[in-house]
Protein backbone atom coordinates (compact mmCIF):
# COMPACT_ATOMS: atom_id res chain seq x y z
CA MET A 1 -9.13 11.40 -10.75
CA SER A 2 -10.34 14.88 -10.82
CA PHE A 3 -9.04 17.21 -14.71
CA TYR A 4 -6.33 19.12 -13.66
CA ASN A 5 -5.05 21.98 -15.27
CA ARG A 6 -2.14 24.30 -14.32
CA ARG A 7 -3.75 27.10 -12.58
CA ARG A 8 -5.97 24.44 -10.30
CA PHE A 9 -3.09 22.58 -8.92
CA LEU A 10 -0.96 25.85 -7.81
CA THR A 11 -4.06 26.62 -6.32
CA THR A 12 -4.55 22.89 -3.96
CA THR A 13 -0.77 23.07 -3.55
CA ALA A 14 -0.26 26.53 -2.60
CA GLY A 15 0.27 26.04 0.80
CA ALA A 16 2.82 23.11 0.27
CA ALA A 17 6.02 23.89 0.77
CA GLY A 18 8.59 21.90 -1.16
CA ALA A 19 12.34 20.93 -2.97
CA LEU A 20 10.17 22.26 -6.25
CA ALA A 21 8.89 25.50 -7.24
CA VAL A 22 5.44 25.64 -8.94
CA ALA A 23 5.07 28.92 -9.07
CA GLY A 24 5.78 31.67 -11.76
CA ALA A 25 4.82 32.20 -15.04
CA LEU A 26 0.89 30.90 -15.08
CA GLY A 27 -0.03 33.78 -12.50
CA THR A 28 1.03 36.18 -15.02
CA PRO A 29 -2.04 37.55 -17.31
CA ALA A 30 -0.42 36.68 -21.27
CA PHE A 31 -0.64 39.03 -23.85
CA ALA A 32 -2.72 38.47 -27.04
CA GLN A 33 0.32 37.99 -29.45
CA ASP A 34 1.11 34.87 -26.83
CA ARG A 35 1.61 31.37 -28.72
CA ARG A 36 -0.15 28.93 -27.17
CA VAL A 37 1.01 25.16 -25.91
CA ARG A 38 -1.45 23.07 -24.56
CA HIS A 39 0.40 19.47 -22.81
CA PHE A 40 -1.59 16.94 -21.35
CA TRP A 41 -0.40 13.85 -19.22
CA TRP A 42 -1.16 10.93 -17.28
CA GLY A 43 0.34 11.39 -13.82
CA ASN A 44 0.90 11.15 -10.34
CA PRO A 45 1.03 13.91 -7.83
CA GLU A 46 4.93 13.69 -7.73
CA ARG A 47 5.17 13.89 -11.82
CA ASP A 48 2.09 16.45 -11.79
CA LYS A 49 4.55 18.22 -9.46
CA ARG A 50 7.58 18.43 -11.38
CA THR A 51 6.11 19.08 -14.45
CA PHE A 52 3.94 21.95 -13.87
CA ALA A 53 7.57 23.25 -12.53
CA VAL A 54 9.27 22.70 -15.92
CA ILE A 55 6.81 24.20 -18.06
CA ASP A 56 6.99 27.62 -15.49
CA ILE A 57 10.53 27.57 -16.95
CA PHE A 58 10.37 26.54 -20.29
CA ASN A 59 7.50 29.82 -19.99
CA GLY A 60 10.36 31.91 -18.30
CA LYS A 61 12.85 31.53 -21.02
CA ASN A 62 10.58 32.09 -24.02
CA PRO A 63 8.62 34.91 -23.58
CA GLY A 64 5.74 34.63 -26.22
CA ILE A 65 5.13 31.09 -26.01
CA VAL A 66 2.83 29.97 -23.09
CA VAL A 67 2.60 26.55 -22.36
CA GLU A 68 -0.55 25.27 -20.56
CA GLY A 69 -0.49 21.98 -18.62
CA GLU A 70 -3.61 19.51 -17.59
CA THR A 71 -3.21 16.31 -16.16
CA LEU A 72 -5.36 13.27 -15.51
CA GLY A 73 -4.99 9.76 -14.02
CA PHE A 74 -3.83 7.15 -16.35
CA ALA A 75 -7.52 5.14 -15.89
CA ASP A 76 -8.72 8.51 -16.98
CA TYR A 77 -6.24 10.04 -19.53
CA PHE A 78 -7.08 7.79 -22.20
CA THR A 79 -10.66 8.26 -22.26
CA LYS A 80 -10.38 11.77 -22.20
CA LEU A 81 -8.63 12.24 -24.88
CA THR A 82 -10.81 9.90 -26.69
CA THR A 83 -13.37 12.71 -26.71
CA GLN A 84 -11.26 15.47 -27.30
CA ILE A 85 -10.29 13.47 -30.89
CA ALA A 86 -13.81 13.10 -31.46
CA GLY A 87 -14.29 16.43 -31.03
CA GLY A 88 -11.41 17.68 -32.80
CA ASN A 89 -9.53 19.87 -29.42
CA MET A 90 -6.75 17.45 -28.44
CA PRO A 91 -4.20 19.38 -26.77
CA ASP A 92 -0.75 20.22 -28.69
CA VAL A 93 1.43 17.69 -27.27
CA ILE A 94 0.87 14.54 -25.21
CA GLN A 95 2.15 11.38 -23.43
CA MET A 96 2.02 8.81 -24.83
CA GLY A 97 3.11 5.14 -24.42
CA TYR A 98 4.24 2.27 -26.75
CA GLY A 99 2.38 -0.40 -25.78
CA VAL A 100 -1.12 1.77 -27.82
CA MET A 101 0.89 4.30 -30.03
CA PHE A 102 0.23 2.46 -33.37
CA GLU A 103 -3.14 2.66 -32.68
CA TYR A 104 -3.24 6.76 -32.04
CA ILE A 105 -0.99 6.86 -35.37
CA ASN A 106 -3.25 4.39 -37.13
CA ASN A 107 -6.34 7.13 -36.65
CA GLY A 108 -4.18 10.04 -37.23
CA ALA A 109 -4.19 11.39 -34.02
CA ILE A 110 -0.46 12.27 -33.72
CA VAL A 111 1.56 13.47 -36.92
CA PRO A 112 5.07 12.80 -38.07
CA LEU A 113 7.85 14.59 -36.64
CA ASP A 114 10.07 14.57 -39.27
CA ASP A 115 9.40 18.23 -40.87
CA TYR A 116 10.55 19.78 -37.37
CA VAL A 117 13.23 17.60 -37.06
CA GLY A 118 16.73 20.40 -36.99
CA LYS A 119 15.08 23.11 -36.84
CA SER A 120 12.36 23.71 -33.87
CA LEU A 121 13.00 19.64 -32.51
CA ASP A 122 16.47 18.74 -31.59
CA VAL A 123 16.64 15.06 -31.21
CA SER A 124 20.33 14.71 -32.61
CA LYS A 125 21.25 13.72 -28.97
CA ILE A 126 18.17 11.22 -28.38
CA ASP A 127 19.69 7.20 -28.09
CA ARG A 128 19.64 5.63 -31.29
CA SER A 129 17.21 3.28 -29.56
CA ALA A 130 14.88 5.30 -28.36
CA LEU A 131 14.41 7.21 -31.68
CA ASP A 132 13.91 3.65 -33.63
CA ALA A 133 11.25 2.92 -30.81
CA GLY A 134 9.00 6.13 -32.14
CA THR A 135 9.54 5.53 -35.54
CA VAL A 136 6.60 3.55 -37.34
CA GLY A 137 6.59 3.31 -41.19
CA GLY A 138 9.91 5.16 -41.71
CA LYS A 139 8.59 8.40 -39.92
CA LEU A 140 9.63 9.53 -36.50
CA TYR A 141 6.52 10.29 -34.48
CA ALA A 142 6.98 10.25 -31.28
CA VAL A 143 10.34 11.59 -28.88
CA SER A 144 11.39 9.29 -25.52
CA ILE A 145 11.17 11.03 -22.52
CA GLY A 146 13.12 8.00 -20.71
CA ALA A 147 12.83 4.06 -20.83
CA ASN A 148 11.75 1.85 -18.14
CA SER A 149 10.75 -1.69 -17.44
CA HIS A 150 8.75 -3.99 -15.69
CA VAL A 151 9.51 -3.94 -11.57
CA ALA A 152 8.41 -5.11 -8.66
CA MET A 153 8.65 -2.98 -5.54
CA TYR A 154 8.85 -3.76 -2.29
CA ASN A 155 8.96 -2.87 0.97
CA THR A 156 12.36 -3.48 2.62
CA ARG A 157 11.29 -3.20 6.00
CA LEU A 158 8.82 -5.71 5.67
CA TYR A 159 10.74 -8.09 3.93
CA GLU A 160 13.59 -7.46 6.61
CA ALA A 161 11.03 -8.11 9.35
CA ALA A 162 10.41 -12.20 7.47
CA GLY A 163 14.26 -12.44 7.27
CA ILE A 164 14.78 -12.17 3.43
CA LYS A 165 17.77 -10.84 2.62
CA VAL A 166 19.12 -10.13 -0.94
CA GLY A 167 21.94 -12.42 -1.69
CA ASP A 168 20.86 -14.65 0.65
CA ASN A 169 17.40 -16.27 0.53
CA PHE A 170 16.43 -13.66 -2.52
CA ASP A 171 17.81 -12.76 -5.48
CA PRO A 172 15.91 -10.02 -6.87
CA PHE A 173 17.22 -10.74 -10.83
CA GLY A 174 16.04 -14.01 -10.41
CA TRP A 175 13.48 -15.33 -7.97
CA THR A 176 10.72 -17.93 -9.39
CA TYR A 177 7.14 -17.46 -8.74
CA ASP A 178 8.08 -20.46 -6.28
CA ASP A 179 9.94 -18.24 -4.59
CA VAL A 180 6.90 -15.10 -4.38
CA ALA A 181 4.69 -18.01 -2.70
CA ARG A 182 7.85 -18.70 -0.53
CA ILE A 183 8.76 -15.04 0.61
CA GLY A 184 5.22 -13.51 0.42
CA LYS A 185 3.90 -16.60 2.79
CA ALA A 186 6.98 -15.97 5.00
CA ILE A 187 5.80 -12.09 5.12
CA LYS A 188 2.73 -12.59 5.73
CA ASP A 189 3.21 -15.00 9.13
CA ALA A 190 6.16 -12.69 10.16
CA THR A 191 4.24 -9.33 9.95
CA GLY A 192 0.42 -10.05 9.31
CA VAL A 193 0.81 -8.15 6.26
CA PRO A 194 0.39 -10.24 2.50
CA GLY A 195 3.59 -10.58 1.08
CA THR A 196 2.38 -9.57 -2.69
CA ASP A 197 -0.23 -8.10 -4.62
CA ASP A 198 -2.33 -10.95 -6.65
CA ASN A 199 -1.01 -10.20 -10.69
CA THR A 200 -4.45 -12.62 -11.49
CA ALA A 201 -5.51 -9.51 -13.65
CA ASP A 202 -2.50 -7.99 -14.08
CA TYR A 203 -2.10 -7.55 -18.15
CA GLN A 204 1.65 -6.34 -17.83
CA ASN A 205 2.72 -9.49 -15.18
CA PHE A 206 0.77 -11.65 -18.02
CA SER A 207 2.85 -9.90 -20.96
CA ASP A 208 6.25 -10.98 -19.45
CA PHE A 209 4.36 -14.47 -18.59
CA VAL A 210 3.95 -15.53 -22.22
CA GLY A 211 7.53 -14.07 -23.34
CA GLN A 212 9.27 -16.51 -20.38
CA LYS A 213 6.26 -19.20 -22.30
CA GLY A 214 8.53 -18.80 -25.61
CA ALA A 215 5.35 -17.85 -27.21
CA ALA A 216 4.42 -13.97 -28.76
CA MET A 217 0.98 -11.35 -28.07
CA PHE A 218 0.86 -10.32 -31.52
CA THR A 219 2.50 -12.21 -34.89
CA ASP A 220 1.48 -10.79 -38.25
CA GLY A 221 -1.14 -8.39 -36.52
CA GLN A 222 -3.07 -11.30 -35.07
CA TYR A 223 -3.04 -11.78 -31.74
CA THR A 224 -1.05 -15.44 -31.19
CA VAL A 225 -0.61 -16.48 -27.53
CA PRO A 226 -1.86 -20.44 -26.40
CA GLN A 227 -4.50 -21.25 -24.39
CA GLU A 228 -2.62 -23.27 -22.32
CA VAL A 229 -0.47 -20.36 -21.71
CA VAL A 230 -3.22 -18.18 -20.42
CA GLU A 231 -4.77 -20.98 -18.62
CA GLU A 232 -0.65 -21.49 -16.68
CA TYR A 233 -0.46 -17.69 -15.89
CA TRP A 234 -3.71 -18.35 -13.84
CA ALA A 235 -3.23 -21.24 -12.43
CA THR A 236 0.22 -19.60 -11.55
CA TRP A 237 -0.74 -16.78 -9.44
CA LYS A 238 -4.30 -19.79 -7.86
CA MET A 239 -0.33 -21.17 -6.71
CA ILE A 240 0.51 -18.68 -4.90
CA ARG A 241 -2.47 -17.29 -3.64
CA ASP A 242 -3.30 -20.61 -1.78
CA ALA A 243 0.48 -20.19 -0.18
CA GLY A 244 -1.21 -17.46 1.85
CA ALA A 245 0.69 -15.03 0.26
CA THR A 246 -1.08 -12.40 -1.22
CA VAL A 247 -3.86 -9.75 -0.52
CA PRO A 248 -7.23 -11.81 -0.56
CA ALA A 249 -9.08 -12.17 -4.29
CA GLU A 250 -12.02 -10.47 -3.44
CA GLU A 251 -9.85 -7.15 -2.87
CA THR A 252 -7.93 -8.06 -5.98
CA ALA A 253 -10.97 -8.00 -7.94
CA ALA A 254 -12.27 -5.02 -7.07
CA LEU A 255 -9.14 -3.06 -8.18
CA ALA A 256 -8.81 -5.25 -11.35
CA GLY A 257 -7.71 -2.36 -14.12
CA VAL A 258 -6.82 0.09 -11.51
CA ALA A 259 -3.77 2.04 -12.77
CA ASP A 260 -3.21 4.25 -9.41
CA LEU A 261 0.34 4.18 -7.29
CA ALA A 262 -2.19 5.07 -4.00
CA GLN A 263 -3.75 1.99 -4.56
CA THR A 264 -1.49 -0.39 -4.45
CA GLY A 265 -1.19 -2.76 -1.49
CA LEU A 266 2.62 -1.67 -1.26
CA VAL A 267 1.19 2.12 -0.91
CA THR A 268 -1.82 1.42 1.27
CA GLY A 269 0.02 -1.19 3.54
CA LYS A 270 -1.38 -4.09 2.53
CA SER A 271 0.60 -6.60 0.65
CA ALA A 272 4.52 -5.90 0.72
CA THR A 273 5.04 -6.01 -3.06
CA SER A 274 3.33 -4.27 -5.88
CA TYR A 275 4.01 -4.26 -9.84
CA ALA A 276 4.44 -1.33 -11.74
CA TRP A 277 6.93 0.52 -14.08
CA SER A 278 10.54 1.06 -13.20
CA ASN A 279 9.49 4.35 -13.29
CA GLN A 280 7.00 5.10 -10.99
CA LEU A 281 9.77 4.21 -8.20
CA VAL A 282 10.36 7.83 -7.58
CA GLY A 283 6.38 8.09 -7.59
CA ALA A 284 5.75 5.14 -4.71
CA GLN A 285 8.62 6.09 -3.07
CA ALA A 286 6.75 9.65 -2.48
CA LEU A 287 3.79 7.95 -1.28
CA ILE A 288 5.71 6.09 1.54
CA GLU A 289 7.56 6.28 4.46
CA ASP A 290 9.13 2.76 4.32
CA ARG A 291 12.64 2.31 2.05
CA LEU A 292 11.16 0.84 -1.17
CA GLY A 293 13.44 -1.69 -3.10
CA ALA A 294 13.31 -3.41 -6.36
CA ALA A 295 13.27 -6.68 -8.65
CA MET A 296 12.55 -7.76 -11.69
CA TYR A 297 9.39 -9.47 -12.36
CA PRO A 298 9.33 -13.18 -11.54
CA ASN A 299 10.19 -15.47 -13.66
CA THR A 300 9.82 -19.31 -14.52
CA PRO A 301 11.96 -22.33 -13.97
CA ALA A 302 13.46 -22.43 -17.12
CA MET A 303 14.04 -18.53 -16.80
CA VAL A 304 13.41 -17.87 -20.32
CA PRO A 305 13.81 -13.47 -20.68
CA GLY A 306 9.97 -12.06 -20.53
CA SER A 307 10.63 -8.79 -19.36
CA ILE A 308 11.39 -5.53 -22.28
CA VAL A 309 12.86 -2.54 -21.80
CA GLN A 310 10.79 0.07 -23.60
CA PRO A 311 10.14 3.68 -23.76
CA SER A 312 8.48 4.85 -20.53
CA GLN A 313 6.57 7.78 -22.26
CA PHE A 314 6.66 9.36 -25.68
CA VAL A 315 5.64 13.02 -26.30
CA CYS A 316 3.80 13.58 -29.54
CA LEU A 317 2.34 16.19 -31.84
CA THR A 318 -1.36 16.27 -32.75
CA ARG A 319 -3.54 16.54 -35.56
CA ASP A 320 -5.24 19.20 -33.31
CA SER A 321 -2.12 21.71 -32.48
CA LYS A 322 -2.11 25.24 -33.89
CA ASP A 323 1.08 25.91 -33.73
CA ALA A 324 3.37 22.96 -34.52
CA GLU A 325 6.53 24.79 -34.28
CA ALA A 326 6.05 26.05 -31.38
CA ALA A 327 4.59 22.50 -29.71
CA THR A 328 7.69 20.82 -30.98
CA SER A 329 10.29 23.54 -29.50
CA TYR A 330 8.60 22.96 -26.29
CA MET A 331 9.34 19.08 -27.12
CA SER A 332 12.91 19.89 -27.95
CA ALA A 333 13.55 21.55 -24.71
CA PHE A 334 11.36 18.85 -22.63
CA VAL A 335 13.97 15.88 -23.54
CA ASN A 336 17.28 18.62 -24.29
CA ASP A 337 16.87 21.25 -21.80
CA LEU A 338 19.31 20.76 -18.91
CA ASP A 339 17.05 22.94 -15.94
CA MET A 340 14.44 21.37 -17.23
CA THR A 341 15.28 17.49 -17.15
CA LYS A 342 16.74 18.26 -13.56
CA VAL A 343 13.54 18.77 -12.44
CA LEU A 344 11.96 16.44 -14.02
CA GLY A 345 14.66 13.87 -12.98
CA LEU A 346 14.45 9.64 -13.35
CA GLU A 347 10.07 9.81 -12.48
CA ARG A 348 9.36 8.84 -16.42
CA GLY A 349 12.59 6.67 -16.59
CA ILE A 350 16.14 6.66 -17.39
CA PRO A 351 16.22 9.71 -19.85
CA SER A 352 17.11 9.04 -23.38
CA GLN A 353 19.77 11.70 -24.14
CA PRO A 354 23.31 11.05 -22.56
CA ASP A 355 23.89 15.05 -21.11
CA VAL A 356 20.81 14.77 -19.44
CA ARG A 357 21.72 11.34 -17.68
CA ALA A 358 25.10 12.82 -16.96
CA ALA A 359 24.35 16.01 -15.44
CA LEU A 360 21.30 13.66 -13.58
CA GLU A 361 24.15 11.37 -11.62
CA PRO A 362 25.40 13.99 -9.13
CA GLN A 363 21.98 15.16 -7.83
CA LEU A 364 20.07 11.47 -7.61
CA THR A 365 17.88 10.81 -4.95
CA ASP A 366 18.32 7.41 -3.27
CA ILE A 367 15.05 6.26 -4.73
CA GLU A 368 16.66 7.27 -8.40
CA LYS A 369 19.83 5.64 -7.14
CA VAL A 370 17.51 2.22 -6.81
CA SER A 371 16.59 3.26 -10.01
CA VAL A 372 19.78 3.15 -12.07
CA ALA A 373 20.88 0.44 -9.95
CA PHE A 374 17.80 -1.87 -11.23
CA PHE A 375 17.83 -0.95 -14.66
CA ASP A 376 22.64 -1.93 -14.48
CA GLY A 377 20.79 -5.14 -12.93
CA ILE A 378 18.72 -5.61 -15.81
CA GLN A 379 20.85 -5.73 -18.48
CA GLY A 380 20.88 -8.79 -20.50
CA LYS A 381 18.12 -10.42 -18.51
CA THR A 382 15.07 -8.85 -20.87
CA MET A 383 13.93 -9.78 -24.16
CA LEU A 384 14.07 -7.77 -27.23
CA LEU A 385 11.78 -5.02 -27.84
CA PRO A 386 8.38 -6.18 -29.90
CA PRO A 387 6.91 -4.09 -32.31
CA PRO A 388 4.13 -1.76 -31.31
CA PRO A 389 1.27 -3.58 -30.71
CA PRO A 390 -1.47 -3.42 -33.60
CA SER A 391 -4.79 -0.98 -33.18
CA GLY A 392 -7.06 -2.96 -30.70
CA ALA A 393 -4.16 -3.67 -28.44
CA ASN A 394 -6.20 -1.41 -25.43
CA GLU A 395 -9.22 -3.21 -25.73
CA ILE A 396 -7.67 -7.16 -25.37
CA GLU A 397 -5.48 -5.53 -22.08
CA GLN A 398 -9.20 -4.19 -20.52
CA THR A 399 -10.85 -7.75 -21.69
CA PHE A 400 -8.45 -9.06 -20.34
CA GLU A 401 -8.78 -7.62 -16.48
CA ARG A 402 -12.30 -7.52 -16.81
CA LEU A 403 -12.57 -11.70 -17.59
CA ALA A 404 -9.63 -11.87 -14.83
CA VAL A 405 -11.89 -10.90 -12.15
CA GLU A 406 -14.14 -14.18 -13.03
CA VAL A 407 -10.80 -16.34 -12.62
CA LEU A 408 -10.70 -14.54 -9.04
CA THR A 409 -14.22 -15.09 -7.86
CA GLY A 410 -14.72 -18.68 -8.95
CA GLY A 411 -17.60 -17.42 -11.56
CA ARG A 412 -16.26 -20.07 -14.49
CA SER A 413 -13.35 -21.71 -14.73
CA PRO A 414 -9.80 -20.79 -15.99
CA ALA A 415 -10.18 -23.27 -19.24
CA GLU A 416 -13.15 -21.65 -20.23
CA VAL A 417 -12.74 -17.63 -19.19
CA ALA A 418 -9.02 -18.33 -21.55
CA ALA A 419 -11.24 -19.48 -24.23
CA ASP A 420 -13.65 -16.24 -24.36
CA PHE A 421 -11.13 -13.95 -23.68
CA LEU A 422 -8.95 -15.54 -26.59
CA GLN A 423 -12.10 -15.60 -29.01
CA GLN A 424 -12.83 -11.63 -27.76
CA ALA A 425 -8.79 -10.87 -28.32
CA SER A 426 -8.97 -12.49 -31.80
CA ASP A 427 -12.85 -10.12 -32.37
CA ILE A 428 -11.37 -7.17 -31.63
CA ILE A 429 -8.31 -7.35 -33.68
CA ALA A 430 -10.84 -8.08 -36.80
CA ARG A 431 -12.92 -4.94 -36.20
CA ALA A 432 -10.53 -2.80 -34.62
C-alpha cells in the first residue's frame, strides 16, 4: 500500500463529499515558530479519513502546533517504522499494538510518558485496566485508544439466504468449529459463495485456539505451545476445508499474512465470513453494501475461553520526538477531546474514556451499534489478558503464516511443519 501523508490524502479525496470534512488547517502555510508533531499510524480508508479530520480539529484548536499525519497499511507500517528507527527519524507519535509493544519498549523506540502525566498528558479518566495494559515495569509507555477483541464478521444476507438464523441454528457467542463447517457448507450450497475464509494461516485464530486448549503462547519468556495443539489447529481447519465450507486453499495461501480488509473474502465477495479485530467492523462495513453481523471466533466443544479483550491500539511517544510536550498534548486530545473523539467514533475500538463513550452513544451508526452489542455479548466469555509478548513475537507470527502455506499446499505433513515452526519459534526467542 502506498505511503500517505496529509497533503497527498487530501489531494486524492478532494472530489469526494463525505460525512467528515478533511479540509482545514493543512492548506495554511506554517510559520517558522510553529511546533511540529508527526503522527504515524496504520490504517484503512475509513480510519485515514477520520484521523486526518481530527488532526485538522486539533490544529484549529491549538494555534502554534501543527500536527502532520502519515499512514500506511498494516503490512507496510512496521517495515517503514523499522527503517525510521534505524535512521533516527521516527515520527513523534506512533500507533502501537499490544502484541508487539514490548519489542519497541525493549529497543528503546518508545519512551515512558510518566513525566508528562498531569501536565501535557491527561490520563485521569482513562480506564484503569487500559492504563495497566500500557504499563511495563511500572512505567506508562502507551495510552490506549480503545478496546477490541477478535471477531468473525459475517454477511447477514448470505447467512439468511442459507436459512442461518441467530437463536435458531446459529449462536454467534457459542458456535464451534463444527458449526463453522456446517454453516459454511450450507451457505456454499445455497448461494455458491463459500461460507468462510480458511484460517489455517491466521495467527490470531491460532492464538485463540491455544487458549481454548488450556495452553499458553509464552511462559517466562519462552514459546510454550505444545506441538499437538499446532497439529490439532491445522487438522481442525482441514476438516472445515474438506467439508467444502472454505475459500479454495490456493487462494488462502496467496493471502497468508496479508492484513488488508479490502482483500478479505467478506469484502471481495469470495466468502460469507472473515476474521479480524472487532474495531475493524466499522472499516469493513464501509467497504461492503450488505449488512454485517458479528460473532466470536469459533470454539472447541469444551467451550474454554480463548479470546481476549485488549487495547485495540495505543498512541506512543518515540525517542526521536523533537517536542515531547506538544506531542503528548496531541496524544491527550486524541483520547479525551470530545470534538475529536466524536469523529474517531468506534473505528479504533470501544474508547477507554467514559466521557467519550457517553458522548458517542447518541450518534452511533448501525455498524457501531453492532460493535457495541458484540462487546456486550462477549462479556464473561473471554480469558484474562496475558502479559505483552516478548521481543520476537512479531517474527514468530510471520513464521507461522509462512509455514502454514506448506500445510495448505500439501508441501509437507502438518506434523513436520509444526515441529519446524516450534523450533524456529524457539530460535527466534533465543536471539531476540
